[in-house]
Amino acid sequence: MATTDTSWRELAGWLAVVGPQHVPTRMALITGALPREAVYPDTRDWPALHASLADLLTRRQEQLAARERDGAPR
């Protein structure tokens, strides 16, 4: 498996927030290739998730702008 800057927890968060609107994810649910719990997990003990993909993207842009102001690499 390739290494990335993205943790599995972040990917799970993306799947829980955006997965239901993502066509390939929906197809994987329909065909049974992906269990329902992957997209609709019990998130009671998770950190707070973004409310939507738009919210996530807005927050990410804010993070990148702050890094740029601070001179940190993207």
PDB file of N, CA and C in Angstrom:
ATOM      1  N   MET A   1       0.841  -1.180   0.000  1.00  0.00           N
ATOM      2  CA  MET A   1       0.000   0.000   0.000  1.00  0.00           C
ATOM      3  C   MET A   1       0.882   1.238   0.000  1.00  0.00           C
ATOM      4  N   ALA A   2       0.507   2.211  -0.786  1.00  0.00           N
ATOM      5  CA  ALA A   2       1.260   3.463  -0.859  1.00  0.00           C
ATOM      6  C   ALA A   2       1.011   4.320   0.379  1.00  0.00           C
ATOM      7  N   THR A   3       2.016   5.051   0.777  1.00  0.00           N
ATOM      8  CA  THR A   3       1.838   5.965   1.903  1.00  0.00           C
ATOM      9  C   THR A   3       1.276   7.285   1.410  1.00  0.00           C
ATOM     10  N   THR A   4       0.458   7.889   2.241  1.00  0.00           N
ATOM     11  CA  THR A   4      -0.130   9.183   1.914  1.00  0.00           C
ATOM     12  C   THR A   4      -0.094  10.064   3.151  1.00  0.00           C
ATOM     13  N   ASP A   5      -0.414  11.329   2.971  1.00  0.00           N
ATOM     14  CA  ASP A   5      -0.536  12.245   4.100  1.00  0.00           C
ATOM     15  C   ASP A   5      -1.905  12.132   4.753  1.00  0.00           C
ATOM     16  N   THR A   6      -2.773  11.311   4.193  1.00  0.00           N
ATOM     17  CA  THR A   6      -4.133  11.173   4.691  1.00  0.00           C
ATOM     18  C   THR A   6      -4.233   9.944   5.578  1.00  0.00           C
ATOM     19  N   SER A   7      -4.747  10.136   6.786  1.00  0.00           N
ATOM     20  CA  SER A   7      -4.906   9.003   7.695  1.00  0.00           C
ATOM     21  C   SER A   7      -6.178   8.237   7.350  1.00  0.00           C
ATOM     22  N   TRP A   8      -6.262   6.991   7.780  1.00  0.00           N
ATOM     23  CA  TRP A   8      -7.465   6.195   7.561  1.00  0.00           C
ATOM     24  C   TRP A   8      -8.659   6.848   8.248  1.00  0.00           C
ATOM     25  N   ARG A   9      -8.412   7.499   9.383  1.00  0.00           N
ATOM     26  CA  ARG A   9      -9.501   8.169  10.095  1.00  0.00           C
ATOM     27  C   ARG A   9     -10.078   9.310   9.255  1.00  0.00           C
ATOM     28  N   GLU A  10      -9.206  10.055   8.571  1.00  0.00           N
ATOM     29  CA  GLU A  10      -9.686  11.128   7.695  1.00  0.00           C
ATOM     30  C   GLU A  10     -10.482  10.561   6.528  1.00  0.00           C
ATOM     31  N   LEU A  11     -10.029   9.449   5.988  1.00  0.00           N
ATOM     32  CA  LEU A  11     -10.763   8.827   4.882  1.00  0.00           C
ATOM     33  C   LEU A  11     -12.122   8.339   5.349  1.00  0.00           C
ATOM     34  N   ALA A  12     -12.168   7.775   6.544  1.00  0.00           N
ATOM     35  CA  ALA A  12     -13.450   7.322   7.089  1.00  0.00           C
ATOM     36  C   ALA A  12     -14.385   8.502   7.293  1.00  0.00           C
ATOM     37  N   GLY A  13     -13.841   9.628   7.731  1.00  0.00           N
ATOM     38  CA  GLY A  13     -14.654  10.830   7.897  1.00  0.00           C
ATOM     39  C   GLY A  13     -15.208  11.313   6.570  1.00  0.00           C
ATOM     40  N   TRP A  14     -14.372  11.306   5.534  1.00  0.00           N
ATOM     41  CA  TRP A  14     -14.830  11.712   4.197  1.00  0.00           C
ATOM     42  C   TRP A  14     -15.959  10.785   3.751  1.00  0.00           C
ATOM     43  N   LEU A  15     -15.770   9.488   3.941  1.00  0.00           N
ATOM     44  CA  LEU A  15     -16.776   8.523   3.512  1.00  0.00           C
ATOM     45  C   LEU A  15     -18.089   8.741   4.254  1.00  0.00           C
ATOM     46  N   ALA A  16     -18.016   9.041   5.549  1.00  0.00           N
ATOM     47  CA  ALA A  16     -19.236   9.252   6.335  1.00  0.00           C
ATOM     48  C   ALA A  16     -19.949  10.540   5.931  1.00  0.00           C
ATOM     49  N   VAL A  17     -19.199  11.572   5.545  1.00  0.00           N
ATOM     50  CA  VAL A  17     -19.809  12.867   5.198  1.00  0.00           C
ATOM     51  C   VAL A  17     -20.222  12.912   3.728  1.00  0.00           C
ATOM     52  N   VAL A  18     -19.348  12.480   2.833  1.00  0.00           N
ATOM     53  CA  VAL A  18     -19.558  12.657   1.400  1.00  0.00           C
ATOM     54  C   VAL A  18     -20.010  11.377   0.706  1.00  0.00           C
ATOM     55  N   GLY A  19     -19.696  10.254   1.270  1.00  0.00           N
ATOM     56  CA  GLY A  19     -19.984   8.970   0.640  1.00  0.00           C
ATOM     57  C   GLY A  19     -21.378   8.806   0.069  1.00  0.00           C
ATOM     58  N   PRO A  20     -22.422   9.185   0.821  1.00  0.00           N
ATOM     59  CA  PRO A  20     -23.773   8.996   0.287  1.00  0.00           C
ATOM     60  C   PRO A  20     -24.046   9.767  -1.009  1.00  0.00           C
ATOM     61  N   GLN A  21     -23.301  10.842  -1.288  1.00  0.00           N
ATOM     62  CA  GLN A  21     -23.502  11.609  -2.514  1.00  0.00           C
ATOM     63  C   GLN A  21     -22.522  11.207  -3.624  1.00  0.00           C
ATOM     64  N   HIS A  22     -21.576  10.353  -3.329  1.00  0.00           N
ATOM     65  CA  HIS A  22     -20.522   9.961  -4.268  1.00  0.00           C
ATOM     66  C   HIS A  22     -21.005   8.751  -5.065  1.00  0.00           C
ATOM     67  N   VAL A  23     -21.178   8.940  -6.371  1.00  0.00           N
ATOM     68  CA  VAL A  23     -21.790   7.895  -7.209  1.00  0.00           C
ATOM     69  C   VAL A  23     -21.051   6.553  -7.121  1.00  0.00           C
ATOM     70  N   PRO A  24     -19.714   6.497  -7.250  1.00  0.00           N
ATOM     71  CA  PRO A  24     -19.054   5.189  -7.137  1.00  0.00           C
ATOM     72  C   PRO A  24     -19.277   4.531  -5.766  1.00  0.00           C
ATOM     73  N   THR A  25     -19.351   5.337  -4.725  1.00  0.00           N
ATOM     74  CA  THR A  25     -19.619   4.788  -3.398  1.00  0.00           C
ATOM     75  C   THR A  25     -21.040   4.226  -3.341  1.00  0.00           C
ATOM     76  N   ARG A  26     -21.982   4.949  -3.894  1.00  0.00           N
ATOM     77  CA  ARG A  26     -23.365   4.465  -3.917  1.00  0.00           C
ATOM     78  C   ARG A  26     -23.480   3.162  -4.697  1.00  0.00           C
ATOM     79  N   MET A  27     -22.750   3.075  -5.813  1.00  0.00           N
ATOM     80  CA  MET A  27     -22.770   1.838  -6.602  1.00  0.00           C
ATOM     81  C   MET A  27     -22.166   0.680  -5.804  1.00  0.00           C
ATOM     82  N   ALA A  28     -21.086   0.971  -5.077  1.00  0.00           N
ATOM     83  CA  ALA A  28     -20.466  -0.072  -4.248  1.00  0.00           C
ATOM     84  C   ALA A  28     -21.437  -0.551  -3.168  1.00  0.00           C
ATOM     85  N   LEU A  29     -22.237   0.343  -2.624  1.00  0.00           N
ATOM     86  CA  LEU A  29     -23.259  -0.051  -1.651  1.00  0.00           C
ATOM     87  C   LEU A  29     -24.320  -0.933  -2.305  1.00  0.00           C
ATOM     88  N   ILE A  30     -24.784  -0.509  -3.469  1.00  0.00           N
ATOM     89  CA  ILE A  30     -25.837  -1.248  -4.169  1.00  0.00           C
ATOM     90  C   ILE A  30     -25.388  -2.661  -4.519  1.00  0.00           C
ATOM     91  N   THR A  31     -24.141  -2.793  -4.972  1.00  0.00           N
ATOM     92  CA  THR A  31     -23.647  -4.113  -5.384  1.00  0.00           C
ATOM     93  C   THR A  31     -23.161  -4.957  -4.213  1.00  0.00           C
ATOM     94  N   GLY A  32     -23.080  -4.349  -3.036  1.00  0.00           N
ATOM     95  CA  GLY A  32     -22.611  -5.092  -1.863  1.00  0.00           C
ATOM     96  C   GLY A  32     -21.104  -5.117  -1.718  1.00  0.00           C
ATOM     97  N   ALA A  33     -20.399  -4.377  -2.574  1.00  0.00           N
ATOM     98  CA  ALA A  33     -18.935  -4.336  -2.494  1.00  0.00           C
ATOM     99  C   ALA A  33     -18.464  -3.536  -1.278  1.00  0.00           C
ATOM    100  N   LEU A  34     -19.333  -2.706  -0.749  1.00  0.00           N
ATOM    101  CA  LEU A  34     -19.017  -1.873   0.406  1.00  0.00           C
ATOM    102  C   LEU A  34     -20.136  -2.054   1.424  1.00  0.00           C
ATOM    103  N   PRO A  35     -19.799  -2.371   2.673  1.00  0.00           N
ATOM    104  CA  PRO A  35     -20.863  -2.544   3.669  1.00  0.00           C
ATOM    105  C   PRO A  35     -21.500  -1.205   4.044  1.00  0.00           C
ATOM    106  N   ARG A  36     -22.772  -1.221   4.345  1.00  0.00           N
ATOM    107  CA  ARG A  36     -23.519  -0.016   4.719  1.00  0.00           C
ATOM    108  C   ARG A  36     -22.850   0.717   5.876  1.00  0.00           C
ATOM    109  N   GLU A  37     -22.274  -0.008   6.808  1.00  0.00           N
ATOM    110  CA  GLU A  37     -21.634   0.599   7.978  1.00  0.00           C
ATOM    111  C   GLU A  37     -20.439   1.473   7.605  1.00  0.00           C
ATOM    112  N   ALA A  38     -19.857   1.255   6.443  1.00  0.00           N
ATOM    113  CA  ALA A  38     -18.721   2.074   6.004  1.00  0.00           C
ATOM    114  C   ALA A  38     -19.168   3.488   5.653  1.00  0.00           C
ATOM    115  N   VAL A  39     -20.384   3.624   5.177  1.00  0.00           N
ATOM    116  CA  VAL A  39     -20.900   4.922   4.763  1.00  0.00           C
ATOM    117  C   VAL A  39     -21.805   5.535   5.834  1.00  0.00           C
ATOM    118  N   TYR A  40     -22.424   4.690   6.616  1.00  0.00           N
ATOM    119  CA  TYR A  40     -23.321   5.153   7.678  1.00  0.00           C
ATOM    120  C   TYR A  40     -22.847   4.577   9.022  1.00  0.00           C
ATOM    121  N   PRO A  41     -21.646   4.972   9.465  1.00  0.00           N
ATOM    122  CA  PRO A  41     -21.104   4.412  10.706  1.00  0.00           C
ATOM    123  C   PRO A  41     -21.742   5.051  11.948  1.00  0.00           C
ATOM    124  N   ASP A  42     -21.547   4.400  13.060  1.00  0.00           N
ATOM    125  CA  ASP A  42     -21.936   4.969  14.344  1.00  0.00           C
ATOM    126  C   ASP A  42     -20.825   5.942  14.726  1.00  0.00           C
ATOM    127  N   THR A  43     -21.076   7.223  14.625  1.00  0.00           N
ATOM    128  CA  THR A  43     -20.044   8.246  14.823  1.00  0.00           C
ATOM    129  C   THR A  43     -20.114   8.900  16.207  1.00  0.00           C
ATOM    130  N   ARG A  44     -20.844   8.299  17.126  1.00  0.00           N
ATOM    131  CA  ARG A  44     -20.992   8.921  18.447  1.00  0.00           C
ATOM    132  C   ARG A  44     -19.673   9.125  19.174  1.00  0.00           C
ATOM    133  N   ASP A  45     -18.699   8.247  18.965  1.00  0.00           N
ATOM    134  CA  ASP A  45     -17.411   8.393  19.653  1.00  0.00           C
ATOM    135  C   ASP A  45     -16.324   8.961  18.736  1.00  0.00           C
ATOM    136  N   TRP A  46     -16.709   9.524  17.604  1.00  0.00           N
ATOM    137  CA  TRP A  46     -15.771  10.141  16.654  1.00  0.00           C
ATOM    138  C   TRP A  46     -15.591  11.613  16.991  1.00  0.00           C
ATOM    139  N   PRO A  47     -14.503  12.200  16.512  1.00  0.00           N
ATOM    140  CA  PRO A  47     -14.410  13.661  16.607  1.00  0.00           C
ATOM    141  C   PRO A  47     -15.471  14.284  15.696  1.00  0.00           C
ATOM    142  N   ALA A  48     -15.738  15.549  15.890  1.00  0.00           N
ATOM    143  CA  ALA A  48     -16.740  16.232  15.071  1.00  0.00           C
ATOM    144  C   ALA A  48     -16.359  16.155  13.590  1.00  0.00           C
ATOM    145  N   LEU A  49     -17.347  15.900  12.755  1.00  0.00           N
ATOM    146  CA  LEU A  49     -17.141  15.824  11.310  1.00  0.00           C
ATOM    147  C   LEU A  49     -17.673  17.098  10.664  1.00  0.00           C
ATOM    148  N   HIS A  50     -17.176  17.386   9.476  1.00  0.00           N
ATOM    149  CA  HIS A  50     -17.715  18.512   8.711  1.00  0.00           C
ATOM    150  C   HIS A  50     -19.157  18.189   8.341  1.00  0.00           C
ATOM    151  N   ALA A  51     -19.969  19.208   8.226  1.00  0.00           N
ATOM    152  CA  ALA A  51     -21.389  19.021   7.930  1.00  0.00           C
ATOM    153  C   ALA A  51     -21.631  18.605   6.483  1.00  0.00           C
ATOM    154  N   SER A  52     -20.708  18.980   5.592  1.00  0.00           N
ATOM    155  CA  SER A  52     -20.901  18.698   4.162  1.00  0.00           C
ATOM    156  C   SER A  52     -19.557  18.782   3.446  1.00  0.00           C
ATOM    157  N   LEU A  53     -19.562  18.381   2.188  1.00  0.00           N
ATOM    158  CA  LEU A  53     -18.352  18.510   1.376  1.00  0.00           C
ATOM    159  C   LEU A  53     -17.991  19.983   1.212  1.00  0.00           C
ATOM    160  N   ALA A  54     -18.974  20.847   1.009  1.00  0.00           N
ATOM    161  CA  ALA A  54     -18.699  22.285   0.863  1.00  0.00           C
ATOM    162  C   ALA A  54     -18.026  22.834   2.119  1.00  0.00           C
ATOM    163  N   ASP A  55     -18.503  22.428   3.277  1.00  0.00           N
ATOM    164  CA  ASP A  55     -17.901  22.854   4.545  1.00  0.00           C
ATOM    165  C   ASP A  55     -16.458  22.356   4.650  1.00  0.00           C
ATOM    166  N   LEU A  56     -16.232  21.107   4.289  1.00  0.00           N
ATOM    167  CA  LEU A  56     -14.883  20.525   4.319  1.00  0.00           C
ATOM    168  C   LEU A  56     -13.944  21.298   3.392  1.00  0.00           C
ATOM    169  N   LEU A  57     -14.397  21.585   2.177  1.00  0.00           N
ATOM    170  CA  LEU A  57     -13.548  22.286   1.207  1.00  0.00           C
ATOM    171  C   LEU A  57     -13.251  23.719   1.651  1.00  0.00           C
ATOM    172  N   THR A  58     -14.234  24.371   2.240  1.00  0.00           N
ATOM    173  CA  THR A  58     -14.015  25.723   2.751  1.00  0.00           C
ATOM    174  C   THR A  58     -12.962  25.699   3.849  1.00  0.00           C
ATOM    175  N   ARG A  59     -13.093  24.778   4.765  1.00  0.00           N
ATOM    176  CA  ARG A  59     -12.128  24.667   5.872  1.00  0.00           C
ATOM    177  C   ARG A  59     -10.735  24.336   5.333  1.00  0.00           C
ATOM    178  N   ARG A  60     -10.652  23.480   4.349  1.00  0.00           N
ATOM    179  CA  ARG A  60      -9.352  23.124   3.768  1.00  0.00           C
ATOM    180  C   ARG A  60      -8.697  24.338   3.116  1.00  0.00           C
ATOM    181  N   GLN A  61      -9.472  25.133   2.409  1.00  0.00           N
ATOM    182  CA  GLN A  61      -8.927  26.352   1.797  1.00  0.00           C
ATOM    183  C   GLN A  61      -8.407  27.305   2.867  1.00  0.00           C
ATOM    184  N   GLU A  62      -9.119  27.404   3.977  1.00  0.00           N
ATOM    185  CA  GLU A  62      -8.668  28.242   5.090  1.00  0.00           C
ATOM    186  C   GLU A  62      -7.339  27.733   5.655  1.00  0.00           C
ATOM    187  N   GLN A  63      -7.231  26.409   5.793  1.00  0.00           N
ATOM    188  CA  GLN A  63      -5.983  25.813   6.294  1.00  0.00           C
ATOM    189  C   GLN A  63      -4.819  26.106   5.354  1.00  0.00           C
ATOM    190  N   LEU A  64      -5.052  25.940   4.059  1.00  0.00           N
ATOM    191  CA  LEU A  64      -3.987  26.181   3.079  1.00  0.00           C
ATOM    192  C   LEU A  64      -3.573  27.646   3.061  1.00  0.00           C
ATOM    193  N   ALA A  65      -4.548  28.549   3.166  1.00  0.00           N
ATOM    194  CA  ALA A  65      -4.232  29.979   3.198  1.00  0.00           C
ATOM    195  C   ALA A  65      -3.416  30.321   4.438  1.00  0.00           C
ATOM    196  N   ALA A  66      -3.754  29.733   5.573  1.00  0.00           N
ATOM    197  CA  ALA A  66      -3.010  29.981   6.807  1.00  0.00           C
ATOM    198  C   ALA A  66      -1.579  29.458   6.687  1.00  0.00           C
ATOM    199  N   ARG A  67      -1.409  28.290   6.081  1.00  0.00           N
ATOM    200  CA  ARG A  67      -0.055  27.748   5.880  1.00  0.00           C
ATOM    201  C   ARG A  67       0.765  28.661   4.983  1.00  0.00           C
ATOM    202  N   GLU A  68       0.136  29.155   3.943  1.00  0.00           N
ATOM    203  CA  GLU A  68       0.826  30.047   3.011  1.00  0.00           C
ATOM    204  C   GLU A  68       1.252  31.328   3.721  1.00  0.00           C
ATOM    205  N   ARG A  69       0.375  31.897   4.536  1.00  0.00           N
ATOM    206  CA  ARG A  69       0.712  33.102   5.307  1.00  0.00           C
ATOM    207  C   ARG A  69       1.871  32.850   6.257  1.00  0.00           C
ATOM    208  N   ASP A  70       1.897  31.628   6.847  1.00  0.00           N
ATOM    209  CA  ASP A  70       2.927  31.273   7.820  1.00  0.00           C
ATOM    210  C   ASP A  70       4.221  30.802   7.150  1.00  0.00           C
ATOM    211  N   GLY A  71       4.203  30.650   5.820  1.00  0.00           N
ATOM    212  CA  GLY A  71       5.377  30.193   5.094  1.00  0.00           C
ATOM    213  C   GLY A  71       5.616  28.698   5.158  1.00  0.00           C
ATOM    214  N   ALA A  72       4.618  27.931   5.609  1.00  0.00           N
ATOM    215  CA  ALA A  72       4.765  26.481   5.677  1.00  0.00           C
ATOM    216  C   ALA A  72       4.422  25.875   4.311  1.00  0.00           C
ATOM    217  N   PRO A  73       5.020  24.716   4.016  1.00  0.00           N
ATOM    218  CA  PRO A  73       4.712  24.052   2.738  1.00  0.00           C
ATOM    219  C   PRO A  73       3.266  23.548   2.728  1.00  0.00           C
ATOM    220  N   ARG A  74       2.690  23.486   1.546  1.00  0.00           N
ATOM    221  CA  ARG A  74       1.327  22.961   1.387  1.00  0.00           C
ATOM    222  C   ARG A  74       1.383  21.497   1.596  1.00  0.00           C
TER     223      ARG A  74
END
